[in-house]
Each structure stands twice: as structure tokens, then as C-alpha cells.
């Protein structure tokens, strides 16, 4: 006798990408905060140093370039999940100017931050899969 083990175990109900997307949606602010932590160190998502400010008069220090003058740019960082990836966007009016000057990697997660993001969402992914299985 042949039977569908996947159906018997209820595995056909699992939608892993939905489970991940929902988990990310619940943790968007925490993941965006990882970008802020990178900027606090004056680094982009590739670990590249953002340099120094042209004048100490601008912020009272030269380093790190943390892109935190008014906080508007940082508050506008958002994480949008889709079926297979995360899109990090920033809708602040200065985003184009800042990404032109410092590179698009200011809105990327470093390898270390990616691992932290995975750790942040993992419990929610497990919960979401359990809900899908009705456990």
C-alpha cells in the first residue's frame, strides 16, 4: 500500500515562506534597528567605514559618520518581506542623496546582522509553522 506521508503528517499545510514573511513582519523594527547599530559604528552592510564628517562643527565630532542628525533617515528605515527575501527601504527625503554619497550598502545587513536577524525571527517562524500545523 502506498500513501502520501506528507499529507498524513500534515506537512502539505506548511507554507514556510509565509511563516518567514509573517515572522519578519512582526519583527520589522528589530531588524531595522540592526541597520542603525551598523550606522552607529560608522559602517555600512559590507563593513565599509563611512569615513568622517568634513567639519567638526557639523556634529561636534568627525567620526563615526552615523547618519543621525535629525533621526528622520533612521526612523524611515523599513523592512519589507516577500516570499524569499527581505527588502530594506528608507522613504526619507534624504535617502537618495545619502545612498549616492555613502553607497546603497548603508541599507544592507552585514553578515553578522543577518545572523542576528535570523536569531530574532526564528522563534516566530517556529510558532508560525506550528500554527500552520495546528499544533
Foldseek 3Di string as FASTA:
>chain_A
DDDDPCVVQLVVLFLLLVLLQVLCVVCFVVLLVLLLVCLQQCAFQARDHQFFDPDCVVPVGTDDRNVPDPCQQSVQWTWHGDSPDIDTDGPDPCVVVVCVNRNPRSRPHHPVSVVVSCVSSVVSSVVSRCVSSVD
